[in-house]
Amino acid sequence: FPKPPIDNYGAPYPTVVEYSGYDPSNPADTTMATLFTSLGFAYVGVNIRGTGCSGGSFLPFEPVQSLDGYDAIETIAAQPWAKGHRAGMIGISYPGIEQLYVARTQPPHLSAITPLSVIDDSYRGTLWPGGILNTGFAEPWASQRASDAQPFGEGWEHGMNSPECDDNQLVRLQNPDPVGLIE
């Protein structure tokens, strides 16, 4: 749900969405929410399937995440508090890259994307730059994403007091192993 802007300009609000495999819906991580709500935006943090309290299984950058992002944008834009029934996307790195994938599906109510710190080719540019396995960043990043996507892997999911969140954790054991896929 959006956090109301601090200055309370009155609904409806221009709306931004952070769609990520990190933890944008973690109630204790308010950096982006505080920034955007202080500027008068409604901020919505959406965890990619298989992360946080979201349902489904997780594999970084799998194509179904683009379609889920399409659905998220359209659902959020349909809310009465979303100004003009439109939403933009924000984020740096993983949520920046996801914006490109979601925008490619052309959600009718996506008004803008602001992808920051993105890559053009995760295989050649990040995983195997120059034909050498990137064990300094790519492999540890994939390992950390796999760990965070395990049942209650980020830790904050425990405190949500949500049966749906708890049920969604059971699906995490079906996640593919991204490090195994690298090997």
N, C-alpha and C. Protein backbone atom coordinates (compact mmCIF):
# COMPACT_ATOMS: atom_id res chain seq x y z
N PHE A 1 0.84 -1.17 0.00
CA PHE A 1 0.00 0.00 0.00
C PHE A 1 0.88 1.24 0.00
N PRO A 2 0.41 2.30 -0.60
CA PRO A 2 1.25 3.50 -0.64
C PRO A 2 1.35 4.14 0.73
N LYS A 3 2.49 4.75 0.95
CA LYS A 3 2.65 5.56 2.16
C LYS A 3 2.20 6.96 1.78
N PRO A 4 1.32 7.61 2.57
CA PRO A 4 0.85 8.94 2.18
C PRO A 4 1.98 9.96 2.22
N PRO A 5 2.01 10.86 1.27
CA PRO A 5 3.05 11.88 1.26
C PRO A 5 3.03 12.69 2.56
N ILE A 6 4.22 13.06 3.00
CA ILE A 6 4.36 13.79 4.27
C ILE A 6 3.61 15.11 4.23
N ASP A 7 3.71 15.84 3.14
CA ASP A 7 3.05 17.15 3.05
C ASP A 7 1.57 17.03 2.74
N ASN A 8 1.10 15.82 2.50
CA ASN A 8 -0.31 15.54 2.26
C ASN A 8 -0.95 16.52 1.27
N TYR A 9 -0.46 16.48 0.04
CA TYR A 9 -0.98 17.34 -1.02
C TYR A 9 -2.41 16.99 -1.38
N GLY A 10 -2.86 15.87 -0.94
CA GLY A 10 -4.21 15.42 -1.25
C GLY A 10 -4.21 14.41 -2.37
N ALA A 11 -5.01 13.38 -2.19
CA ALA A 11 -5.11 12.34 -3.21
C ALA A 11 -5.92 12.87 -4.38
N PRO A 12 -5.74 12.37 -5.55
CA PRO A 12 -4.80 11.32 -5.90
C PRO A 12 -3.36 11.86 -6.00
N TYR A 13 -2.41 10.92 -5.87
CA TYR A 13 -1.00 11.27 -5.86
C TYR A 13 -0.30 10.76 -7.12
N PRO A 14 0.68 11.51 -7.62
CA PRO A 14 1.55 10.89 -8.62
C PRO A 14 2.18 9.67 -7.95
N THR A 15 2.28 8.58 -8.67
CA THR A 15 2.62 7.30 -8.05
C THR A 15 3.87 6.70 -8.68
N VAL A 16 4.77 6.21 -7.82
CA VAL A 16 5.97 5.52 -8.28
C VAL A 16 6.02 4.13 -7.68
N VAL A 17 6.59 3.21 -8.44
CA VAL A 17 6.68 1.81 -8.06
C VAL A 17 8.14 1.37 -8.11
N GLU A 18 8.59 0.76 -7.02
CA GLU A 18 9.90 0.11 -7.00
C GLU A 18 9.64 -1.38 -7.03
N TYR A 19 10.02 -2.02 -8.14
CA TYR A 19 9.76 -3.45 -8.37
C TYR A 19 11.12 -4.15 -8.33
N SER A 20 11.32 -5.00 -7.33
CA SER A 20 12.67 -5.48 -7.09
C SER A 20 12.71 -6.85 -6.46
N GLY A 21 13.84 -7.51 -6.63
CA GLY A 21 14.12 -8.77 -5.96
C GLY A 21 14.86 -8.56 -4.65
N TYR A 22 15.09 -7.31 -4.29
CA TYR A 22 15.65 -7.01 -2.97
C TYR A 22 14.48 -6.93 -2.00
N ASP A 23 14.34 -5.86 -1.26
CA ASP A 23 13.26 -5.83 -0.28
C ASP A 23 12.49 -4.51 -0.26
N PRO A 24 11.90 -4.10 -1.39
CA PRO A 24 11.20 -2.82 -1.41
C PRO A 24 9.94 -2.78 -0.55
N SER A 25 9.40 -3.94 -0.21
CA SER A 25 8.20 -3.94 0.63
C SER A 25 8.51 -4.18 2.10
N ASN A 26 9.79 -4.18 2.46
CA ASN A 26 10.21 -4.33 3.85
C ASN A 26 9.81 -3.06 4.60
N PRO A 27 8.91 -3.16 5.60
CA PRO A 27 8.46 -1.96 6.30
C PRO A 27 9.56 -1.23 7.07
N ALA A 28 10.68 -1.91 7.34
CA ALA A 28 11.77 -1.26 8.07
C ALA A 28 12.75 -0.54 7.13
N ASP A 29 12.68 -0.81 5.83
CA ASP A 29 13.58 -0.16 4.87
C ASP A 29 12.79 0.94 4.17
N THR A 30 12.88 2.14 4.70
CA THR A 30 12.02 3.23 4.23
C THR A 30 12.75 4.29 3.41
N THR A 31 13.97 4.03 2.98
CA THR A 31 14.75 5.06 2.29
C THR A 31 14.02 5.60 1.07
N MET A 32 13.66 4.73 0.13
CA MET A 32 13.00 5.19 -1.09
C MET A 32 11.61 5.74 -0.79
N ALA A 33 10.89 5.08 0.11
CA ALA A 33 9.55 5.56 0.48
C ALA A 33 9.62 6.96 1.07
N THR A 34 10.56 7.19 1.97
CA THR A 34 10.70 8.51 2.58
C THR A 34 11.06 9.56 1.55
N LEU A 35 11.99 9.23 0.67
CA LEU A 35 12.40 10.17 -0.37
C LEU A 35 11.21 10.58 -1.24
N PHE A 36 10.50 9.60 -1.77
CA PHE A 36 9.43 9.93 -2.72
C PHE A 36 8.18 10.49 -2.06
N THR A 37 7.83 10.01 -0.88
CA THR A 37 6.65 10.58 -0.23
C THR A 37 6.92 12.02 0.22
N SER A 38 8.16 12.33 0.56
CA SER A 38 8.47 13.72 0.94
C SER A 38 8.36 14.65 -0.26
N LEU A 39 8.44 14.09 -1.46
CA LEU A 39 8.28 14.88 -2.68
C LEU A 39 6.83 14.89 -3.18
N GLY A 40 5.93 14.26 -2.43
CA GLY A 40 4.51 14.28 -2.78
C GLY A 40 4.03 13.10 -3.59
N PHE A 41 4.83 12.07 -3.73
CA PHE A 41 4.45 10.88 -4.49
C PHE A 41 3.89 9.81 -3.56
N ALA A 42 3.03 8.97 -4.08
CA ALA A 42 2.70 7.72 -3.42
C ALA A 42 3.79 6.73 -3.85
N TYR A 43 4.37 6.04 -2.90
CA TYR A 43 5.42 5.06 -3.17
C TYR A 43 4.85 3.66 -2.92
N VAL A 44 5.09 2.75 -3.88
CA VAL A 44 4.65 1.37 -3.72
C VAL A 44 5.87 0.47 -3.95
N GLY A 45 6.23 -0.30 -2.93
CA GLY A 45 7.31 -1.27 -3.05
C GLY A 45 6.75 -2.64 -3.33
N VAL A 46 7.16 -3.24 -4.44
CA VAL A 46 6.65 -4.55 -4.84
C VAL A 46 7.82 -5.52 -4.94
N ASN A 47 7.76 -6.59 -4.16
CA ASN A 47 8.76 -7.63 -4.28
C ASN A 47 8.44 -8.53 -5.46
N ILE A 48 9.46 -8.86 -6.24
CA ILE A 48 9.34 -9.79 -7.35
C ILE A 48 8.91 -11.15 -6.81
N ARG A 49 8.20 -11.91 -7.61
CA ARG A 49 7.75 -13.24 -7.20
C ARG A 49 8.89 -14.02 -6.56
N GLY A 50 8.54 -14.70 -5.48
CA GLY A 50 9.50 -15.55 -4.80
C GLY A 50 10.44 -14.82 -3.88
N THR A 51 10.22 -13.50 -3.65
CA THR A 51 11.05 -12.75 -2.71
C THR A 51 10.14 -12.03 -1.72
N GLY A 52 10.68 -11.70 -0.57
CA GLY A 52 9.87 -11.02 0.45
C GLY A 52 8.65 -11.85 0.78
N CYS A 53 7.47 -11.23 0.73
CA CYS A 53 6.22 -11.94 1.01
C CYS A 53 5.47 -12.32 -0.27
N SER A 54 6.07 -12.08 -1.43
CA SER A 54 5.40 -12.40 -2.69
C SER A 54 5.34 -13.90 -2.92
N GLY A 55 4.31 -14.33 -3.61
CA GLY A 55 4.17 -15.74 -3.95
C GLY A 55 5.04 -16.14 -5.12
N GLY A 56 5.08 -17.41 -5.41
CA GLY A 56 5.83 -17.91 -6.56
C GLY A 56 7.25 -18.27 -6.23
N SER A 57 7.93 -18.83 -7.22
CA SER A 57 9.34 -19.16 -7.04
C SER A 57 10.19 -18.10 -7.72
N PHE A 58 11.47 -18.06 -7.38
CA PHE A 58 12.35 -16.97 -7.79
C PHE A 58 13.55 -17.48 -8.57
N LEU A 59 13.83 -16.80 -9.66
CA LEU A 59 15.07 -16.93 -10.41
C LEU A 59 15.35 -15.55 -10.98
N PRO A 60 16.54 -14.98 -10.73
CA PRO A 60 16.79 -13.61 -11.17
C PRO A 60 16.54 -13.41 -12.67
N PHE A 61 15.81 -12.37 -12.97
CA PHE A 61 15.56 -11.89 -14.33
C PHE A 61 14.84 -12.88 -15.23
N GLU A 62 14.08 -13.81 -14.66
CA GLU A 62 13.35 -14.73 -15.52
C GLU A 62 12.21 -13.98 -16.22
N PRO A 63 11.84 -14.38 -17.44
CA PRO A 63 10.86 -13.63 -18.23
C PRO A 63 9.51 -13.40 -17.55
N VAL A 64 9.05 -14.33 -16.72
CA VAL A 64 7.73 -14.16 -16.10
C VAL A 64 7.70 -12.93 -15.19
N GLN A 65 8.86 -12.50 -14.70
CA GLN A 65 8.89 -11.30 -13.86
C GLN A 65 8.44 -10.07 -14.64
N SER A 66 8.71 -10.03 -15.92
CA SER A 66 8.25 -8.91 -16.75
C SER A 66 6.73 -8.86 -16.79
N LEU A 67 6.12 -10.01 -16.95
CA LEU A 67 4.65 -10.07 -16.99
C LEU A 67 4.05 -9.75 -15.63
N ASP A 68 4.69 -10.22 -14.56
CA ASP A 68 4.23 -9.87 -13.22
C ASP A 68 4.32 -8.36 -13.03
N GLY A 69 5.39 -7.76 -13.51
CA GLY A 69 5.57 -6.31 -13.41
C GLY A 69 4.48 -5.56 -14.16
N TYR A 70 4.13 -6.06 -15.33
CA TYR A 70 3.02 -5.50 -16.10
C TYR A 70 1.76 -5.49 -15.25
N ASP A 71 1.46 -6.64 -14.66
CA ASP A 71 0.26 -6.75 -13.81
C ASP A 71 0.34 -5.81 -12.61
N ALA A 72 1.51 -5.70 -12.00
CA ALA A 72 1.66 -4.81 -10.84
C ALA A 72 1.39 -3.37 -11.24
N ILE A 73 1.96 -2.92 -12.35
CA ILE A 73 1.74 -1.54 -12.80
C ILE A 73 0.26 -1.29 -13.08
N GLU A 74 -0.37 -2.20 -13.78
CA GLU A 74 -1.78 -2.02 -14.12
C GLU A 74 -2.67 -2.04 -12.88
N THR A 75 -2.35 -2.90 -11.91
CA THR A 75 -3.13 -2.96 -10.67
C THR A 75 -2.96 -1.68 -9.86
N ILE A 76 -1.73 -1.22 -9.74
CA ILE A 76 -1.46 0.00 -8.96
C ILE A 76 -2.08 1.21 -9.64
N ALA A 77 -1.94 1.32 -10.95
CA ALA A 77 -2.50 2.47 -11.67
C ALA A 77 -4.02 2.52 -11.58
N ALA A 78 -4.66 1.39 -11.35
CA ALA A 78 -6.13 1.35 -11.25
C ALA A 78 -6.65 1.83 -9.90
N GLN A 79 -5.76 2.06 -8.95
CA GLN A 79 -6.19 2.47 -7.61
C GLN A 79 -6.67 3.92 -7.61
N PRO A 80 -7.64 4.25 -6.78
CA PRO A 80 -8.18 5.61 -6.76
C PRO A 80 -7.16 6.67 -6.32
N TRP A 81 -6.12 6.28 -5.61
CA TRP A 81 -5.13 7.23 -5.13
C TRP A 81 -4.01 7.48 -6.15
N ALA A 82 -4.01 6.74 -7.28
CA ALA A 82 -2.99 6.92 -8.31
C ALA A 82 -3.43 8.01 -9.28
N LYS A 83 -2.74 9.13 -9.25
CA LYS A 83 -3.11 10.29 -10.07
C LYS A 83 -3.12 9.93 -11.56
N GLY A 84 -4.21 10.24 -12.21
CA GLY A 84 -4.36 9.96 -13.64
C GLY A 84 -4.38 8.48 -13.96
N HIS A 85 -4.52 7.66 -12.93
CA HIS A 85 -4.46 6.21 -13.10
C HIS A 85 -3.23 5.81 -13.89
N ARG A 86 -2.10 6.40 -13.47
CA ARG A 86 -0.81 6.13 -14.09
C ARG A 86 0.20 5.84 -12.99
N ALA A 87 1.28 5.18 -13.34
CA ALA A 87 2.36 4.92 -12.40
C ALA A 87 3.68 4.95 -13.15
N GLY A 88 4.71 5.43 -12.47
CA GLY A 88 6.06 5.40 -13.00
C GLY A 88 6.87 4.40 -12.19
N MET A 89 8.04 4.06 -12.71
CA MET A 89 8.90 3.12 -12.00
C MET A 89 10.21 3.80 -11.61
N ILE A 90 10.73 3.40 -10.43
CA ILE A 90 11.97 3.95 -9.91
C ILE A 90 12.87 2.81 -9.48
N GLY A 91 14.15 3.09 -9.30
CA GLY A 91 15.04 2.09 -8.74
C GLY A 91 16.43 2.13 -9.32
N ILE A 92 17.33 1.58 -8.55
CA ILE A 92 18.75 1.56 -8.89
C ILE A 92 19.23 0.11 -8.92
N SER A 93 19.97 -0.24 -9.93
CA SER A 93 20.55 -1.57 -10.09
C SER A 93 19.44 -2.59 -10.38
N TYR A 94 19.22 -3.58 -9.51
CA TYR A 94 18.23 -4.61 -9.80
C TYR A 94 16.87 -4.00 -10.13
N PRO A 95 16.31 -3.11 -9.29
CA PRO A 95 15.03 -2.52 -9.67
C PRO A 95 15.13 -1.60 -10.89
N GLY A 96 16.32 -1.10 -11.18
CA GLY A 96 16.51 -0.32 -12.41
C GLY A 96 16.43 -1.22 -13.63
N ILE A 97 17.10 -2.35 -13.56
CA ILE A 97 17.09 -3.32 -14.67
C ILE A 97 15.67 -3.85 -14.90
N GLU A 98 14.97 -4.17 -13.81
CA GLU A 98 13.61 -4.69 -13.94
C GLU A 98 12.69 -3.70 -14.66
N GLN A 99 12.94 -2.41 -14.51
CA GLN A 99 12.12 -1.42 -15.21
C GLN A 99 12.19 -1.63 -16.72
N LEU A 100 13.37 -1.95 -17.22
CA LEU A 100 13.54 -2.16 -18.66
C LEU A 100 12.73 -3.36 -19.13
N TYR A 101 12.77 -4.43 -18.34
CA TYR A 101 12.02 -5.63 -18.69
C TYR A 101 10.50 -5.38 -18.64
N VAL A 102 10.05 -4.68 -17.61
CA VAL A 102 8.62 -4.39 -17.50
C VAL A 102 8.18 -3.45 -18.61
N ALA A 103 8.94 -2.41 -18.87
CA ALA A 103 8.56 -1.44 -19.91
C ALA A 103 8.46 -2.09 -21.28
N ARG A 104 9.26 -3.09 -21.52
CA ARG A 104 9.22 -3.78 -22.81
C ARG A 104 7.86 -4.45 -23.04
N THR A 105 7.13 -4.77 -21.96
CA THR A 105 5.79 -5.37 -22.10
C THR A 105 4.72 -4.32 -22.40
N GLN A 106 5.08 -3.06 -22.32
CA GLN A 106 4.23 -1.91 -22.64
C GLN A 106 2.92 -1.86 -21.84
N PRO A 107 3.01 -1.82 -20.51
CA PRO A 107 1.78 -1.64 -19.74
C PRO A 107 1.13 -0.30 -20.12
N PRO A 108 -0.14 -0.29 -20.46
CA PRO A 108 -0.79 0.94 -20.93
C PRO A 108 -0.75 2.10 -19.93
N HIS A 109 -0.65 1.81 -18.64
CA HIS A 109 -0.70 2.87 -17.64
C HIS A 109 0.65 3.16 -17.00
N LEU A 110 1.72 2.69 -17.63
CA LEU A 110 3.08 3.03 -17.19
C LEU A 110 3.44 4.37 -17.81
N SER A 111 3.66 5.37 -16.96
CA SER A 111 3.90 6.71 -17.48
C SER A 111 5.37 7.00 -17.72
N ALA A 112 6.28 6.40 -16.97
CA ALA A 112 7.70 6.68 -17.13
C ALA A 112 8.52 5.63 -16.39
N ILE A 113 9.78 5.48 -16.82
CA ILE A 113 10.74 4.68 -16.08
C ILE A 113 11.97 5.54 -15.84
N THR A 114 12.69 5.24 -14.76
CA THR A 114 13.92 5.97 -14.43
C THR A 114 15.00 4.96 -14.07
N PRO A 115 15.40 4.11 -15.00
CA PRO A 115 16.36 3.06 -14.68
C PRO A 115 17.76 3.63 -14.43
N LEU A 116 18.27 3.39 -13.23
CA LEU A 116 19.60 3.84 -12.86
C LEU A 116 20.51 2.65 -12.60
N SER A 117 21.77 2.77 -12.99
CA SER A 117 22.79 1.76 -12.75
C SER A 117 22.37 0.41 -13.32
N VAL A 118 22.12 0.39 -14.63
CA VAL A 118 21.67 -0.83 -15.29
C VAL A 118 22.78 -1.42 -16.15
N ILE A 119 22.59 -2.65 -16.57
CA ILE A 119 23.53 -3.34 -17.44
C ILE A 119 22.81 -3.72 -18.73
N ASP A 120 23.58 -3.91 -19.77
CA ASP A 120 22.95 -4.24 -21.05
C ASP A 120 22.95 -5.74 -21.34
N ASP A 121 23.84 -6.48 -20.74
CA ASP A 121 23.95 -7.91 -21.02
C ASP A 121 24.45 -8.60 -19.76
N SER A 122 23.55 -9.21 -19.02
CA SER A 122 23.94 -9.81 -17.74
C SER A 122 24.91 -10.97 -17.92
N TYR A 123 24.85 -11.63 -19.05
CA TYR A 123 25.74 -12.77 -19.28
C TYR A 123 27.16 -12.31 -19.63
N ARG A 124 27.28 -11.56 -20.73
CA ARG A 124 28.62 -11.14 -21.18
C ARG A 124 29.18 -9.96 -20.39
N GLY A 125 28.29 -9.09 -19.89
CA GLY A 125 28.77 -7.90 -19.20
C GLY A 125 28.99 -8.08 -17.72
N THR A 126 28.27 -9.02 -17.10
CA THR A 126 28.36 -9.17 -15.65
C THR A 126 28.86 -10.56 -15.26
N LEU A 127 28.24 -11.60 -15.77
CA LEU A 127 28.57 -12.95 -15.35
C LEU A 127 29.89 -13.45 -15.94
N TRP A 128 30.10 -13.24 -17.23
CA TRP A 128 31.30 -13.72 -17.91
C TRP A 128 31.98 -12.59 -18.69
N PRO A 129 32.35 -11.47 -18.06
CA PRO A 129 33.00 -10.39 -18.81
C PRO A 129 34.34 -10.86 -19.39
N GLY A 130 34.55 -10.63 -20.67
CA GLY A 130 35.79 -11.06 -21.31
C GLY A 130 35.97 -12.56 -21.33
N GLY A 131 34.89 -13.31 -21.11
CA GLY A 131 34.95 -14.77 -21.12
C GLY A 131 35.44 -15.38 -19.82
N ILE A 132 35.54 -14.57 -18.75
CA ILE A 132 36.03 -15.06 -17.46
C ILE A 132 34.89 -14.95 -16.44
N LEU A 133 34.63 -16.03 -15.71
CA LEU A 133 33.57 -16.02 -14.70
C LEU A 133 33.86 -14.95 -13.65
N ASN A 134 32.89 -14.10 -13.42
CA ASN A 134 33.03 -13.00 -12.46
C ASN A 134 32.71 -13.53 -11.06
N THR A 135 33.74 -14.04 -10.38
CA THR A 135 33.56 -14.57 -9.04
C THR A 135 33.65 -13.46 -7.99
N GLY A 136 33.98 -12.24 -8.40
CA GLY A 136 34.08 -11.12 -7.47
C GLY A 136 32.75 -10.45 -7.21
N PHE A 137 31.83 -10.49 -8.18
CA PHE A 137 30.52 -9.87 -7.99
C PHE A 137 29.38 -10.81 -8.37
N ALA A 138 29.36 -11.28 -9.60
CA ALA A 138 28.19 -11.99 -10.13
C ALA A 138 27.87 -13.25 -9.34
N GLU A 139 28.86 -14.07 -9.07
CA GLU A 139 28.59 -15.31 -8.34
C GLU A 139 28.14 -15.04 -6.90
N PRO A 140 28.82 -14.16 -6.15
CA PRO A 140 28.32 -13.85 -4.80
C PRO A 140 26.95 -13.18 -4.81
N TRP A 141 26.67 -12.34 -5.81
CA TRP A 141 25.36 -11.69 -5.92
C TRP A 141 24.28 -12.76 -6.10
N ALA A 142 24.51 -13.70 -7.02
CA ALA A 142 23.53 -14.77 -7.25
C ALA A 142 23.34 -15.61 -6.00
N SER A 143 24.42 -15.88 -5.30
CA SER A 143 24.34 -16.66 -4.06
C SER A 143 23.53 -15.92 -3.00
N GLN A 144 23.75 -14.61 -2.87
CA GLN A 144 23.00 -13.83 -1.89
C GLN A 144 21.52 -13.75 -2.25
N ARG A 145 21.21 -13.59 -3.55
CA ARG A 145 19.80 -13.57 -3.96
C ARG A 145 19.14 -14.89 -3.63
N ALA A 146 19.85 -16.01 -3.88
CA ALA A 146 19.29 -17.33 -3.57
C ALA A 146 19.05 -17.47 -2.07
N SER A 147 19.98 -16.99 -1.27
CA SER A 147 19.83 -17.06 0.18
C SER A 147 18.65 -16.20 0.65
N ASP A 148 18.55 -14.98 0.14
CA ASP A 148 17.46 -14.09 0.54
C ASP A 148 16.09 -14.61 0.11
N ALA A 149 16.06 -15.41 -0.97
CA ALA A 149 14.79 -15.93 -1.48
C ALA A 149 14.37 -17.25 -0.81
N GLN A 150 15.16 -17.73 0.13
CA GLN A 150 14.78 -18.92 0.90
C GLN A 150 13.64 -18.56 1.86
N PRO A 151 12.97 -19.55 2.44
CA PRO A 151 11.90 -19.22 3.39
C PRO A 151 12.40 -18.28 4.50
N PHE A 152 11.74 -17.15 4.62
CA PHE A 152 12.08 -16.11 5.59
C PHE A 152 13.54 -15.68 5.46
N GLY A 153 14.07 -15.74 4.23
CA GLY A 153 15.48 -15.48 3.97
C GLY A 153 15.96 -14.08 4.26
N GLU A 154 15.08 -13.10 4.15
CA GLU A 154 15.50 -11.73 4.45
C GLU A 154 15.28 -11.39 5.91
N GLY A 155 14.50 -12.19 6.61
CA GLY A 155 14.28 -12.01 8.03
C GLY A 155 13.07 -11.17 8.38
N TRP A 156 12.84 -10.09 7.67
CA TRP A 156 11.73 -9.20 8.01
C TRP A 156 10.37 -9.83 7.76
N GLU A 157 10.31 -10.86 6.95
CA GLU A 157 9.03 -11.51 6.64
C GLU A 157 8.38 -12.11 7.89
N HIS A 158 9.20 -12.49 8.88
CA HIS A 158 8.66 -13.07 10.13
C HIS A 158 7.70 -12.12 10.83
N GLY A 159 7.99 -10.85 10.82
CA GLY A 159 7.21 -9.89 11.58
C GLY A 159 5.98 -9.35 10.89
N MET A 160 5.61 -9.90 9.77
CA MET A 160 4.49 -9.36 9.00
C MET A 160 3.13 -9.78 9.55
N ASN A 161 3.08 -10.82 10.35
CA ASN A 161 1.81 -11.31 10.90
C ASN A 161 0.77 -11.50 9.80
N SER A 162 1.21 -12.13 8.72
CA SER A 162 0.35 -12.34 7.56
C SER A 162 0.34 -13.83 7.21
N PRO A 163 -0.81 -14.47 7.32
CA PRO A 163 -0.88 -15.89 6.91
C PRO A 163 -0.48 -16.07 5.44
N GLU A 164 -0.85 -15.12 4.59
CA GLU A 164 -0.50 -15.23 3.18
C GLU A 164 1.02 -15.18 3.00
N CYS A 165 1.69 -14.28 3.71
CA CYS A 165 3.15 -14.20 3.64
C CYS A 165 3.76 -15.50 4.13
N ASP A 166 3.26 -16.00 5.23
CA ASP A 166 3.78 -17.26 5.78
C ASP A 166 3.59 -18.41 4.79
N ASP A 167 2.40 -18.50 4.18
CA ASP A 167 2.13 -19.55 3.19
C ASP A 167 3.06 -19.42 1.98
N ASN A 168 3.33 -18.20 1.56
CA ASN A 168 4.19 -17.99 0.40
C ASN A 168 5.62 -18.45 0.65
N GLN A 169 6.04 -18.48 1.90
CA GLN A 169 7.40 -18.93 2.22
C GLN A 169 7.59 -20.40 1.88
N LEU A 170 6.52 -21.18 1.94
CA LEU A 170 6.62 -22.61 1.65
C LEU A 170 7.03 -22.88 0.21
N VAL A 171 6.68 -21.98 -0.69
CA VAL A 171 7.00 -22.17 -2.11
C VAL A 171 8.49 -21.95 -2.37
N ARG A 172 9.17 -21.25 -1.48
CA ARG A 172 10.58 -20.92 -1.68
C ARG A 172 11.46 -22.14 -1.88
N LEU A 173 11.04 -23.27 -1.34
CA LEU A 173 11.85 -24.48 -1.47
C LEU A 173 11.85 -25.00 -2.91
N GLN A 174 11.00 -24.43 -3.77
CA GLN A 174 10.95 -24.81 -5.18
C GLN A 174 11.83 -23.90 -6.04
N ASN A 175 12.48 -22.90 -5.45
CA ASN A 175 13.30 -21.98 -6.22
C ASN A 175 14.44 -22.72 -6.93
N PRO A 176 14.68 -22.42 -8.20
CA PRO A 176 15.87 -22.95 -8.85
C PRO A 176 17.12 -22.37 -8.18
N ASP A 177 18.22 -23.06 -8.26
CA ASP A 177 19.48 -22.60 -7.68
C ASP A 177 20.24 -21.79 -8.73
N PRO A 178 20.31 -20.44 -8.59
CA PRO A 178 20.99 -19.66 -9.61
C PRO A 178 22.50 -19.95 -9.67
N VAL A 179 23.12 -20.28 -8.56
CA VAL A 179 24.55 -20.60 -8.58
C VAL A 179 24.78 -21.91 -9.31
N GLY A 180 23.90 -22.88 -9.09
CA GLY A 180 24.00 -24.15 -9.82
C GLY A 180 23.83 -23.94 -11.32
N LEU A 181 22.96 -23.02 -11.69
CA LEU A 181 22.77 -22.73 -13.13
C LEU A 181 24.01 -22.07 -13.73
N ILE A 182 24.69 -21.25 -12.94
CA ILE A 182 25.94 -20.62 -13.42
C ILE A 182 26.97 -21.70 -13.71
N GLU A 183 27.09 -22.66 -12.79
CA GLU A 183 28.07 -23.72 -12.96
C GLU A 183 27.72 -24.61 -14.14
